[in-house]
Amino acid sequence: MEKNMEVMTVGTPVPMGDNLYPNLPCKPAAEAVEREKKDPFAKPGLINSIAPASFLYAIFFTFCLYKNASGIAYPFYVAGTIGFAVYTIRKSGISWKGEHILVPAASILLGISNCFTDNTKIILMNEAWLFVLMMYFLLAVCFDTKQWQFGKFLESIFGLSVGSIGKMFSFFPDAQAWMEEHKGKKNTQVLYILAGIGISVPLIAIVTVMLSSADVIFRKSVDIIFENISGWDVFCCILWSVAIFFFSYGMVSLLEERGLNEKIKDHRTGQPIIAISATAVIALIYIYFCVIQVVYLFAGYGTLPEGYTYAQYARQGFFQLLFICLMNLVLVLTGLGFFKESKVLKGVLLVISVCTFIMIASSAYRMLLYISVYQLTFLRIFVLWALCVIALLMAGIIGKTLKNTFPLFRYGLAVITCCYLILSFGQPDYWIARYNISAYMKQEEKEQTESDTWRREYGIDNWYLRNLSADAAPVIITEGSMERYRAYEAEKEKYLNGEIKDVNTPSWDVAYIERQKERAERMSFRSYNFSRGYVKRALKR
């Protein structure tokens, strides 16, 4: 590993050797040599510049996110994460260009989305994609990724994540090396005191939890002092903070020592005749299948098998087509990434790609037919969204097939991020409630036909609607539903006072309002969510 390399532009190696940071003074050569003999991997410079920042970030992380996955503190956590990343990058002496600002901007938007939605699925996907974006940001700034391809990015993101866990406890040898360098100085005693306090905090939390469970009087006194904050919460917050401190410190340590392999290996060594033989017949089958889709499904010229409706026909083949579309995505990427360049192979892969577009259209059309009968769910919306994303990715793969230098990973990252922002801010539960209720109301107004047997028998899916998130409140909490809710509350009051013997089962909209009211009342300033805030305001009207 080269030492003392100058850092000039984005992607150039971080300065290594004894002077880890340009703003820190160089140690005497003899002292550096002696320290390297003891532990060549220790980096005492990180203790001064990164350890305090990691500590503050861990506390901030825990404050924002503990029992608060969708509160107003979430976008501040994202901003703090970006700030910590930028701080460590600057401390490493790496300069970064304005083109990288798009990733932090998208991350901030996703963080804002989290406090505007109450949909658990969207919140979880927001968090997962935020992690991918931040990993990409660090890689793009700290390494020369201009020639990296799709597989290299995935490998590096995985390597950075797992490698950071492996480097979590590098803090201890770094701290030991730092103390040896500062032996006898006054600030060493301060560090010892801080270390003792750090060790005592989790022990105090464990002792408090155990004693609180052992004696009820002691527990009540602790609750009064700490305003009903349980000892278990204190222990969990400490555990979170410690884990995030070590993880963030380990990630910086891994990046500092260039723990990821930047080299790009050309995997296109396979004979193209193998890929051509394997995919040519598949391409012919796809062409035949696509002709059937155009004739039977899109144009409607063919006759369906006896006993099949279009909804049943659509439902039967939808998931198979979705699987084939995803398989084609992998198939074309494999052909481009592991076999030598060949015009014939490219032609076959282009045919598969074009057929994939027809399959995507067929799958989407089948889903729309199915939705027209069986209404909307989150999964059905997500699948339509995924088909749009796959179509855009296939367009990028065609670009990669025609031109090998096409930046497929960056294109794919941009496509998924932009499309996901639409999904994240789109509040699917709102549109599910609006569409399903509207479809049911229209169905009630028109004469029943034989094709409407399912609706006539089951009507609206009350169970699904009552379990939607607070995002659907603007549709469900209407004047009529509020009147039924108030009547139900009055009936419950009479039951509690002994005036009546039983309470009628609430309607689905009343059950929805009751559940959302409980969740809205549990909000604090830190966990304020705009969707649940709407419920709180609606109940006061």
Protein backbone atom coordinates (compact mmCIF):
# COMPACT_ATOMS: atom_id res chain seq x y z
CA MET A 1 0.00 0.00 0.00
CA GLU A 2 1.54 3.32 -1.02
CA LYS A 3 2.19 5.90 1.66
CA ASN A 4 2.02 9.70 1.71
CA MET A 5 0.18 9.98 -1.59
CA GLU A 6 -1.20 13.42 -2.42
CA VAL A 7 -4.95 13.86 -2.61
CA MET A 8 -5.98 16.07 -5.48
CA THR A 9 -9.32 15.01 -6.94
CA VAL A 10 -12.32 12.80 -6.32
CA GLY A 11 -11.51 9.14 -6.21
CA THR A 12 -7.77 9.49 -5.53
CA PRO A 13 -6.37 7.44 -2.65
CA VAL A 14 -6.65 8.74 0.89
CA PRO A 15 -3.28 9.80 2.36
CA MET A 16 -1.84 6.87 4.20
CA GLY A 17 1.10 6.37 6.49
CA ASP A 18 1.72 8.22 9.74
CA ASN A 19 0.15 11.57 8.81
CA LEU A 20 -3.44 10.41 8.23
CA TYR A 21 -4.80 13.92 7.97
CA PRO A 22 -3.18 17.00 6.45
CA ASN A 23 -4.12 19.19 9.43
CA LEU A 24 -2.43 16.94 12.00
CA PRO A 25 1.29 17.32 12.78
CA CYS A 26 3.63 14.52 11.76
CA LYS A 27 4.93 12.32 14.57
CA PRO A 28 8.65 11.85 15.04
CA ALA A 29 9.92 9.15 12.71
CA ALA A 30 11.31 6.99 15.53
CA GLU A 31 8.00 7.04 17.42
CA ALA A 32 6.06 6.16 14.27
CA VAL A 33 8.37 3.25 13.47
CA GLU A 34 8.09 1.93 17.03
CA ARG A 35 4.31 2.15 16.98
CA GLU A 36 4.05 0.43 13.58
CA LYS A 37 6.13 -2.44 14.92
CA LYS A 38 3.57 -2.98 17.69
CA ASP A 39 0.45 -2.61 15.55
CA PRO A 40 0.94 -1.61 11.87
CA PHE A 41 -2.84 -1.23 11.43
CA ALA A 42 -3.45 1.17 14.35
CA LYS A 43 -4.53 4.69 13.34
CA PRO A 44 -4.25 6.99 16.36
CA GLY A 45 -5.06 10.01 14.17
CA LEU A 46 -8.67 8.84 13.95
CA ILE A 47 -9.11 9.19 17.72
CA ASN A 48 -8.67 12.95 17.57
CA SER A 49 -10.63 13.66 14.41
CA ILE A 50 -13.24 10.90 14.01
CA ALA A 51 -13.96 9.36 17.44
CA PRO A 52 -15.66 12.51 18.87
CA ALA A 53 -17.74 12.90 15.70
CA SER A 54 -18.73 9.20 15.79
CA PHE A 55 -19.74 9.57 19.43
CA LEU A 56 -21.93 12.61 18.75
CA TYR A 57 -23.42 10.93 15.66
CA ALA A 58 -24.30 7.80 17.68
CA ILE A 59 -26.11 9.89 20.32
CA PHE A 60 -27.92 11.87 17.62
CA PHE A 61 -28.86 8.67 15.76
CA THR A 62 -30.39 7.15 18.88
CA PHE A 63 -32.28 10.33 19.79
CA CYS A 64 -33.83 10.57 16.32
CA LEU A 65 -34.64 6.92 15.65
CA TYR A 66 -35.24 5.05 18.90
CA LYS A 67 -38.91 3.93 18.74
CA ASN A 68 -39.40 6.53 16.03
CA ALA A 69 -39.26 5.17 12.49
CA SER A 70 -41.55 7.78 10.92
CA GLY A 71 -41.47 10.90 13.07
CA ILE A 72 -40.46 14.43 12.23
CA ALA A 73 -36.99 13.70 13.63
CA TYR A 74 -36.28 11.30 10.74
CA PRO A 75 -35.26 13.90 8.11
CA PHE A 76 -32.95 15.44 10.73
CA TYR A 77 -31.34 12.03 11.19
CA VAL A 78 -30.77 11.82 7.42
CA ALA A 79 -29.28 15.33 7.38
CA GLY A 80 -27.06 14.40 10.34
CA THR A 81 -25.89 11.24 8.56
CA ILE A 82 -24.99 13.23 5.45
CA GLY A 83 -23.22 15.81 7.64
CA PHE A 84 -21.20 13.09 9.38
CA ALA A 85 -20.25 11.56 6.00
CA VAL A 86 -19.17 14.93 4.58
CA TYR A 87 -17.19 15.73 7.75
CA THR A 88 -15.25 12.46 7.62
CA ILE A 89 -14.60 12.88 3.88
CA ARG A 90 -13.19 16.36 4.40
CA LYS A 91 -11.08 15.20 7.34
CA SER A 92 -9.61 12.53 5.06
CA GLY A 93 -8.51 15.26 2.66
CA ILE A 94 -10.74 14.12 -0.19
CA SER A 95 -12.34 16.73 -2.40
CA TRP A 96 -15.71 15.98 -3.97
CA LYS A 97 -17.49 17.53 -6.89
CA GLY A 98 -20.95 19.04 -7.17
CA GLU A 99 -22.19 16.07 -9.21
CA HIS A 100 -22.34 14.02 -6.01
CA ILE A 101 -24.84 16.40 -4.42
CA LEU A 102 -27.75 14.64 -6.15
CA VAL A 103 -27.45 11.57 -3.91
CA PRO A 104 -27.65 13.55 -0.61
CA ALA A 105 -30.53 15.57 -2.07
CA ALA A 106 -32.48 12.39 -2.89
CA SER A 107 -31.68 11.06 0.59
CA ILE A 108 -33.10 14.19 2.21
CA LEU A 109 -36.29 13.81 0.17
CA LEU A 110 -36.68 10.20 1.30
CA GLY A 111 -36.16 11.30 4.89
CA ILE A 112 -38.90 13.90 4.51
CA SER A 113 -41.16 11.27 2.96
CA ASN A 114 -40.86 9.14 6.10
CA CYS A 115 -42.61 11.69 8.29
CA PHE A 116 -45.35 12.30 5.71
CA THR A 117 -46.46 8.68 5.44
CA ASP A 118 -47.81 6.17 7.93
CA ASN A 119 -47.43 3.17 5.59
CA THR A 120 -45.08 0.67 7.27
CA LYS A 121 -44.04 -0.92 3.96
CA ILE A 122 -43.06 2.44 2.46
CA ILE A 123 -41.16 3.37 5.62
CA LEU A 124 -39.15 0.14 5.58
CA MET A 125 -38.31 0.54 1.88
CA ASN A 126 -37.30 4.17 2.49
CA GLU A 127 -34.83 3.04 5.13
CA ALA A 128 -33.40 0.27 2.92
CA TRP A 129 -32.95 2.56 -0.08
CA LEU A 130 -31.43 5.31 2.07
CA PHE A 131 -28.78 2.82 3.16
CA VAL A 132 -28.00 1.94 -0.48
CA LEU A 133 -27.77 5.64 -1.44
CA MET A 134 -25.37 6.45 1.41
CA MET A 135 -23.16 3.46 0.58
CA TYR A 136 -23.04 4.57 -3.04
CA PHE A 137 -22.24 8.15 -2.01
CA LEU A 138 -19.26 7.07 0.08
CA LEU A 139 -17.95 4.78 -2.66
CA ALA A 140 -18.38 7.37 -5.42
CA VAL A 141 -16.54 10.04 -3.43
CA CYS A 142 -13.77 7.93 -1.88
CA PHE A 143 -12.93 5.73 -4.89
CA ASP A 144 -12.46 6.12 -8.61
CA THR A 145 -15.69 4.49 -9.79
CA LYS A 146 -15.87 5.83 -13.33
CA GLN A 147 -15.15 2.44 -14.87
CA TRP A 148 -17.10 0.39 -12.35
CA GLN A 149 -19.90 -1.76 -13.71
CA PHE A 150 -23.10 -3.05 -12.13
CA GLY A 151 -21.53 -6.10 -10.49
CA LYS A 152 -18.58 -4.14 -9.09
CA PHE A 153 -20.88 -1.63 -7.40
CA LEU A 154 -22.97 -4.37 -5.81
CA GLU A 155 -19.84 -6.17 -4.64
CA SER A 156 -18.39 -2.95 -3.16
CA ILE A 157 -21.62 -1.96 -1.39
CA PHE A 158 -21.77 -5.40 0.18
CA GLY A 159 -18.06 -5.27 1.00
CA LEU A 160 -18.35 -1.84 2.64
CA SER A 161 -21.33 -2.95 4.75
CA VAL A 162 -19.81 -6.24 5.92
CA GLY A 163 -16.30 -4.79 6.19
CA SER A 164 -17.53 -2.01 8.47
CA ILE A 165 -18.93 -4.63 10.83
CA GLY A 166 -15.58 -6.42 10.73
CA LYS A 167 -13.76 -3.16 11.62
CA MET A 168 -16.17 -2.18 14.41
CA PHE A 169 -13.66 -2.76 17.19
CA SER A 170 -10.69 -1.10 15.49
CA PHE A 171 -11.34 1.76 17.92
CA PHE A 172 -9.52 -0.10 20.72
CA PRO A 173 -6.09 -0.55 19.05
CA ASP A 174 -6.36 3.02 17.73
CA ALA A 175 -7.11 4.33 21.23
CA GLN A 176 -4.24 2.32 22.71
CA ALA A 177 -1.82 3.70 20.10
CA TRP A 178 -3.09 7.21 20.78
CA MET A 179 -2.57 6.85 24.55
CA GLU A 180 0.95 5.55 24.02
CA GLU A 181 1.76 8.61 21.94
CA HIS A 182 0.32 10.92 24.61
CA LYS A 183 1.64 9.04 27.63
CA GLY A 184 2.33 11.37 30.55
CA LYS A 185 0.34 14.27 29.08
CA LYS A 186 -2.57 15.80 30.96
CA ASN A 187 -5.17 14.97 28.33
CA THR A 188 -4.39 11.28 28.78
CA GLN A 189 -5.84 11.38 32.30
CA VAL A 190 -8.97 13.02 30.90
CA LEU A 191 -9.29 10.19 28.39
CA TYR A 192 -9.02 7.64 31.20
CA ILE A 193 -11.81 9.39 33.09
CA LEU A 194 -14.03 9.48 29.97
CA ALA A 195 -13.34 5.79 29.32
CA GLY A 196 -14.37 4.95 32.89
CA ILE A 197 -17.59 6.93 32.52
CA GLY A 198 -18.32 5.18 29.22
CA ILE A 199 -17.88 1.76 30.84
CA SER A 200 -20.02 2.69 33.85
CA VAL A 201 -23.05 3.91 31.87
CA PRO A 202 -24.22 0.49 30.54
CA LEU A 203 -23.49 -1.06 33.94
CA ILE A 204 -25.65 1.58 35.65
CA ALA A 205 -28.47 0.88 33.18
CA ILE A 206 -28.28 -2.90 33.83
CA VAL A 207 -28.23 -2.43 37.61
CA THR A 208 -31.17 0.01 37.47
CA VAL A 209 -33.26 -2.39 35.36
CA MET A 210 -32.57 -5.34 37.65
CA LEU A 211 -33.25 -3.44 40.88
CA SER A 212 -36.42 -1.92 39.43
CA SER A 213 -37.75 -5.37 38.65
CA ALA A 214 -36.75 -6.59 42.11
CA ASP A 215 -38.45 -3.90 44.19
CA VAL A 216 -41.69 -2.08 43.31
CA ILE A 217 -40.99 0.91 45.61
CA PHE A 218 -37.58 1.44 44.02
CA ARG A 219 -39.16 1.19 40.54
CA LYS A 220 -41.78 3.82 41.38
CA SER A 221 -39.14 6.20 42.71
CA VAL A 222 -37.09 5.75 39.53
CA ASP A 223 -40.19 6.38 37.40
CA ILE A 224 -40.82 9.64 39.26
CA ILE A 225 -37.24 10.80 38.82
CA PHE A 226 -37.03 9.91 35.13
CA GLU A 227 -40.68 10.74 34.22
CA ASN A 228 -41.75 7.13 33.51
CA ILE A 229 -38.82 6.40 31.22
CA SER A 230 -38.19 2.72 31.79
CA GLY A 231 -34.80 1.34 32.63
CA TRP A 232 -35.15 -0.99 29.64
CA ASP A 233 -35.47 2.02 27.31
CA VAL A 234 -32.35 3.54 28.84
CA PHE A 235 -30.48 0.28 28.36
CA CYS A 236 -31.65 -0.04 24.72
CA CYS A 237 -30.67 3.57 23.95
CA ILE A 238 -27.19 2.96 25.34
CA LEU A 239 -26.88 -0.26 23.38
CA TRP A 240 -27.98 1.51 20.17
CA SER A 241 -25.51 4.34 20.73
CA VAL A 242 -22.61 1.98 21.41
CA ALA A 243 -23.38 -0.13 18.32
CA ILE A 244 -23.70 2.90 16.02
CA PHE A 245 -20.50 4.42 17.43
CA PHE A 246 -18.46 1.32 16.68
CA PHE A 247 -20.10 0.76 13.28
CA SER A 248 -19.56 4.35 12.08
CA TYR A 249 -16.00 4.38 13.40
CA GLY A 250 -15.33 1.02 11.72
CA MET A 251 -16.66 2.28 8.40
CA VAL A 252 -14.39 5.34 8.48
CA SER A 253 -11.45 3.13 9.49
CA LEU A 254 -12.14 0.79 6.56
CA LEU A 255 -12.28 3.68 4.10
CA GLU A 256 -9.08 5.18 5.54
CA GLU A 257 -7.03 2.06 4.99
CA ARG A 258 -8.47 1.48 1.52
CA GLY A 259 -10.01 -1.78 2.68
CA LEU A 260 -11.91 -2.28 -0.58
CA ASN A 261 -10.41 -3.48 -3.82
CA GLU A 262 -10.70 -0.78 -6.50
CA LYS A 263 -9.39 -2.91 -9.33
CA ILE A 264 -11.81 -3.93 -12.04
CA LYS A 265 -11.56 -7.45 -13.38
CA ASP A 266 -12.92 -8.13 -16.84
CA HIS A 267 -15.18 -11.15 -16.47
CA ARG A 268 -16.05 -11.28 -20.18
CA THR A 269 -14.02 -14.39 -20.87
CA GLY A 270 -16.71 -16.90 -21.87
CA GLN A 271 -17.09 -18.07 -25.44
CA PRO A 272 -20.08 -16.28 -27.01
CA ILE A 273 -21.16 -19.44 -28.87
CA ILE A 274 -22.18 -20.90 -25.49
CA ALA A 275 -24.45 -17.95 -24.73
CA ILE A 276 -25.83 -17.90 -28.27
CA SER A 277 -26.70 -21.59 -28.12
CA ALA A 278 -28.37 -21.16 -24.73
CA THR A 279 -30.42 -18.07 -25.60
CA ALA A 280 -31.33 -18.46 -29.30
CA VAL A 281 -34.08 -21.03 -28.70
CA ILE A 282 -35.36 -18.99 -25.74
CA ALA A 283 -35.57 -15.94 -28.01
CA LEU A 284 -37.66 -17.90 -30.55
CA ILE A 285 -40.05 -19.07 -27.82
CA TYR A 286 -40.37 -15.48 -26.62
CA ILE A 287 -41.25 -14.30 -30.13
CA TYR A 288 -44.00 -16.91 -30.42
CA PHE A 289 -45.33 -16.03 -26.95
CA CYS A 290 -45.38 -12.31 -27.78
CA VAL A 291 -47.41 -12.97 -30.95
CA ILE A 292 -50.02 -14.76 -28.84
CA GLN A 293 -50.14 -11.82 -26.41
CA VAL A 294 -50.76 -9.37 -29.23
CA VAL A 295 -53.51 -11.53 -30.82
CA TYR A 296 -55.35 -12.83 -27.75
CA LEU A 297 -54.79 -10.30 -24.98
CA PHE A 298 -54.18 -6.90 -26.55
CA ALA A 299 -56.20 -7.11 -29.77
CA GLY A 300 -58.83 -9.52 -28.45
CA TYR A 301 -59.04 -11.37 -31.78
CA GLY A 302 -58.55 -14.80 -30.25
CA THR A 303 -60.99 -16.83 -28.17
CA LEU A 304 -60.21 -17.64 -24.55
CA PRO A 305 -60.44 -21.25 -23.34
CA GLU A 306 -63.90 -22.33 -22.24
CA GLY A 307 -64.84 -21.27 -18.71
CA TYR A 308 -62.24 -18.46 -18.52
CA THR A 309 -63.00 -14.78 -17.96
CA TYR A 310 -60.40 -12.15 -18.81
CA ALA A 311 -59.84 -11.54 -15.07
CA GLN A 312 -59.16 -15.24 -14.49
CA TYR A 313 -56.92 -15.38 -17.55
CA ALA A 314 -55.02 -12.33 -16.31
CA ARG A 315 -54.62 -13.70 -12.78
CA GLN A 316 -53.36 -17.07 -13.98
CA GLY A 317 -50.34 -15.79 -15.88
CA PHE A 318 -49.39 -12.59 -14.13
CA PHE A 319 -46.85 -13.82 -11.58
CA GLN A 320 -45.24 -16.18 -14.10
CA LEU A 321 -44.70 -13.25 -16.47
CA LEU A 322 -43.27 -11.11 -13.69
CA PHE A 323 -40.78 -13.86 -12.90
CA ILE A 324 -39.83 -14.19 -16.58
CA CYS A 325 -39.26 -10.42 -16.84
CA LEU A 326 -36.92 -10.48 -13.86
CA MET A 327 -35.17 -13.57 -15.24
CA ASN A 328 -34.65 -11.82 -18.58
CA LEU A 329 -33.09 -8.90 -16.74
CA VAL A 330 -30.53 -11.23 -15.17
CA LEU A 331 -30.12 -13.24 -18.40
CA VAL A 332 -29.16 -10.22 -20.51
CA LEU A 333 -26.84 -8.85 -17.81
CA THR A 334 -25.12 -12.23 -17.61
CA GLY A 335 -24.69 -12.36 -21.38
CA LEU A 336 -23.15 -8.89 -21.42
CA GLY A 337 -20.98 -9.35 -18.36
CA PHE A 338 -19.49 -12.83 -18.68
CA PHE A 339 -19.08 -13.52 -22.42
CA LYS A 340 -16.82 -12.05 -25.05
CA GLU A 341 -18.29 -9.40 -27.30
CA SER A 342 -20.19 -10.80 -30.28
CA LYS A 343 -22.58 -9.14 -32.72
CA VAL A 344 -24.70 -12.29 -32.96
CA LEU A 345 -24.95 -12.52 -29.17
CA LYS A 346 -25.89 -8.86 -28.95
CA GLY A 347 -28.57 -9.42 -31.55
CA VAL A 348 -30.08 -12.34 -29.61
CA LEU A 349 -29.97 -10.32 -26.37
CA LEU A 350 -31.67 -7.39 -28.11
CA VAL A 351 -34.47 -9.70 -29.28
CA ILE A 352 -34.91 -10.95 -25.69
CA SER A 353 -34.94 -7.36 -24.44
CA VAL A 354 -37.59 -6.27 -26.95
CA CYS A 355 -39.72 -9.33 -26.13
CA THR A 356 -39.37 -8.44 -22.46
CA PHE A 357 -41.08 -5.10 -23.15
CA ILE A 358 -44.06 -6.95 -24.64
CA MET A 359 -44.12 -9.29 -21.64
CA ILE A 360 -44.04 -6.28 -19.29
CA ALA A 361 -46.96 -4.75 -21.18
CA SER A 362 -48.83 -8.07 -21.04
CA SER A 363 -48.19 -8.42 -17.32
CA ALA A 364 -49.30 -4.85 -16.61
CA TYR A 365 -52.44 -5.26 -18.74
CA ARG A 366 -53.31 -8.49 -16.92
CA MET A 367 -52.89 -6.75 -13.58
CA LEU A 368 -55.14 -3.86 -14.67
CA LEU A 369 -57.81 -6.36 -15.73
CA TYR A 370 -57.49 -8.08 -12.39
CA ILE A 371 -57.72 -4.78 -10.47
CA SER A 372 -60.87 -3.82 -12.37
CA VAL A 373 -62.61 -6.82 -10.77
CA TYR A 374 -60.81 -7.37 -7.48
CA GLN A 375 -59.89 -3.74 -6.65
CA LEU A 376 -56.58 -2.34 -5.37
CA THR A 377 -54.11 -3.50 -2.76
CA PHE A 378 -50.63 -2.23 -1.93
CA LEU A 379 -49.05 -5.31 -3.54
CA ARG A 380 -50.90 -4.68 -6.82
CA ILE A 381 -49.79 -1.05 -6.89
CA PHE A 382 -46.22 -2.06 -6.05
CA VAL A 383 -46.20 -4.65 -8.82
CA LEU A 384 -47.35 -2.09 -11.41
CA TRP A 385 -44.62 0.24 -10.14
CA ALA A 386 -42.04 -2.56 -10.36
CA LEU A 387 -43.04 -3.29 -13.96
CA CYS A 388 -42.45 0.36 -14.88
CA VAL A 389 -39.04 0.24 -13.22
CA ILE A 390 -38.14 -3.02 -15.00
CA ALA A 391 -39.12 -1.45 -18.33
CA LEU A 392 -36.85 1.55 -17.69
CA LEU A 393 -34.02 -0.74 -16.58
CA MET A 394 -34.43 -2.81 -19.75
CA ALA A 395 -34.08 0.41 -21.75
CA GLY A 396 -30.76 0.99 -19.96
CA ILE A 397 -29.69 -2.58 -20.69
CA ILE A 398 -30.41 -2.03 -24.37
CA GLY A 399 -28.18 1.04 -24.16
CA LYS A 400 -25.49 -1.09 -22.53
CA THR A 401 -25.88 -3.72 -25.26
CA LEU A 402 -25.42 -1.16 -28.03
CA LYS A 403 -22.64 0.74 -26.25
CA ASN A 404 -20.41 -1.02 -23.72
CA THR A 405 -19.39 2.24 -21.97
CA PHE A 406 -22.99 3.03 -21.00
CA PRO A 407 -23.04 3.75 -17.20
CA LEU A 408 -25.66 1.12 -16.39
CA PHE A 409 -25.38 1.17 -12.60
CA ARG A 410 -25.62 4.95 -12.32
CA TYR A 411 -28.52 4.93 -14.76
CA GLY A 412 -30.27 2.20 -12.77
CA LEU A 413 -29.64 3.99 -9.47
CA ALA A 414 -31.11 7.21 -10.87
CA VAL A 415 -34.14 5.40 -12.36
CA ILE A 416 -34.94 3.47 -9.17
CA THR A 417 -34.42 6.53 -6.96
CA CYS A 418 -36.64 8.82 -9.06
CA CYS A 419 -39.36 6.19 -9.43
CA TYR A 420 -39.18 5.32 -5.77
CA LEU A 421 -39.53 8.97 -4.74
CA ILE A 422 -42.80 9.02 -6.70
CA LEU A 423 -43.99 5.88 -4.92
CA SER A 424 -42.83 7.10 -1.52
CA PHE A 425 -44.55 10.49 -1.75
CA GLY A 426 -47.56 9.04 -3.60
CA GLN A 427 -49.22 7.61 -0.45
CA PRO A 428 -50.59 4.37 -1.97
CA ASP A 429 -53.05 3.78 0.90
CA TYR A 430 -54.85 6.99 0.01
CA TRP A 431 -55.37 5.86 -3.60
CA ILE A 432 -56.34 2.34 -2.51
CA ALA A 433 -59.10 3.69 -0.29
CA ARG A 434 -60.24 6.20 -2.88
CA TYR A 435 -60.36 3.70 -5.75
CA ASN A 436 -61.94 0.83 -3.80
CA ILE A 437 -64.66 2.93 -2.18
CA SER A 438 -65.42 4.73 -5.44
CA ALA A 439 -65.58 1.43 -7.36
CA TYR A 440 -67.95 -0.03 -4.79
CA MET A 441 -70.22 3.04 -4.86
CA LYS A 442 -70.38 2.96 -8.65
CA GLN A 443 -71.10 -0.77 -8.59
CA GLU A 444 -74.02 -0.22 -6.22
CA GLU A 445 -75.54 2.33 -8.56
CA LYS A 446 -75.59 0.15 -11.66
CA GLU A 447 -77.48 -3.03 -12.38
CA GLN A 448 -75.71 -6.24 -11.37
CA THR A 449 -74.53 -8.47 -14.21
CA GLU A 450 -73.22 -12.00 -14.29
CA SER A 451 -69.63 -10.80 -14.49
CA ASP A 452 -70.15 -8.89 -11.24
CA THR A 453 -70.91 -12.03 -9.20
CA TRP A 454 -67.83 -11.58 -7.00
CA ARG A 455 -68.76 -8.02 -6.09
CA ARG A 456 -72.39 -8.89 -5.51
CA GLU A 457 -71.39 -11.66 -3.11
CA TYR A 458 -68.58 -9.98 -1.20
CA GLY A 459 -68.89 -6.25 -1.85
CA ILE A 460 -66.07 -4.03 -0.60
CA ASP A 461 -63.11 -5.57 1.22
CA ASN A 462 -63.88 -4.05 4.63
CA TRP A 463 -61.11 -5.91 6.45
CA TYR A 464 -58.41 -4.58 4.12
CA LEU A 465 -59.69 -0.99 4.28
CA ARG A 466 -59.96 -0.92 8.06
CA ASN A 467 -56.26 -1.94 8.32
CA LEU A 468 -54.92 0.77 6.02
CA SER A 469 -52.54 3.35 7.47
CA ALA A 470 -53.35 6.93 8.42
CA ASP A 471 -52.51 7.94 4.83
CA ALA A 472 -56.05 6.85 3.89
CA ALA A 473 -57.69 9.08 6.53
CA PRO A 474 -58.69 11.90 4.11
CA VAL A 475 -60.86 9.37 2.24
CA ILE A 476 -62.20 7.29 5.14
CA ILE A 477 -62.76 9.95 7.82
CA THR A 478 -65.80 11.70 6.37
CA GLU A 479 -68.75 13.44 8.03
CA GLY A 480 -70.78 10.23 7.82
CA SER A 481 -68.07 8.07 9.37
CA MET A 482 -67.53 10.64 12.14
CA GLU A 483 -71.24 10.56 12.97
CA ARG A 484 -71.11 6.76 13.23
CA TYR A 485 -67.96 7.03 15.36
CA ARG A 486 -69.55 9.49 17.79
CA ALA A 487 -72.65 7.28 18.05
CA TYR A 488 -70.42 4.29 18.79
CA GLU A 489 -68.51 6.26 21.46
CA ALA A 490 -71.79 7.29 23.06
CA GLU A 491 -72.94 3.67 23.05
CA LYS A 492 -69.69 2.59 24.72
CA GLU A 493 -70.15 5.27 27.37
CA LYS A 494 -73.63 3.95 28.15
CA TYR A 495 -72.22 0.43 28.40
CA LEU A 496 -69.55 1.53 30.86
CA ASN A 497 -72.19 3.31 32.94
CA GLY A 498 -74.33 0.17 33.01
CA GLU A 499 -77.17 1.70 31.01
CA ILE A 500 -77.04 -1.00 28.32
CA LYS A 501 -75.89 -4.62 28.43
CA ASP A 502 -74.01 -4.86 25.13
CA VAL A 503 -72.29 -2.77 22.45
CA ASN A 504 -72.88 -3.34 18.75
CA THR A 505 -69.90 -4.35 16.64
CA PRO A 506 -68.48 -1.18 15.06
CA SER A 507 -68.53 -0.73 11.30
CA TRP A 508 -65.23 -0.98 9.45
CA ASP A 509 -64.79 2.81 9.16
CA VAL A 510 -65.47 3.27 12.89
CA ALA A 511 -62.92 0.55 13.68
CA TYR A 512 -60.44 2.34 11.43
CA ILE A 513 -61.00 5.69 13.17
CA GLU A 514 -60.68 4.09 16.62
CA ARG A 515 -57.37 2.45 15.72
CA GLN A 516 -55.94 5.60 14.15
CA LYS A 517 -57.03 7.71 17.12
CA GLU A 518 -55.02 5.52 19.51
CA ARG A 519 -51.91 5.81 17.33
CA ALA A 520 -52.31 9.57 16.88
CA GLU A 521 -52.60 10.15 20.62
CA ARG A 522 -49.29 8.37 21.23
CA MET A 523 -47.38 10.93 19.15
CA SER A 524 -44.84 13.20 20.81
CA PHE A 525 -42.98 16.17 19.42
CA ARG A 526 -40.10 13.91 18.34
CA SER A 527 -42.37 11.32 16.71
CA TYR A 528 -44.84 13.71 15.07
CA ASN A 529 -46.07 12.31 11.76
CA PHE A 530 -48.10 14.42 9.34
CA SER A 531 -50.50 11.62 8.36
CA ARG A 532 -51.27 10.84 12.00
CA GLY A 533 -51.44 14.58 12.64
CA TYR A 534 -54.23 14.79 10.06
CA VAL A 535 -56.18 12.16 11.99
CA LYS A 536 -55.73 14.14 15.21
CA ARG A 537 -57.02 17.33 13.58
CA ALA A 538 -59.91 15.51 11.88
CA LEU A 539 -61.15 14.10 15.18
CA LYS A 540 -61.33 17.58 16.69
CA ARG A 541 -63.61 18.91 13.95
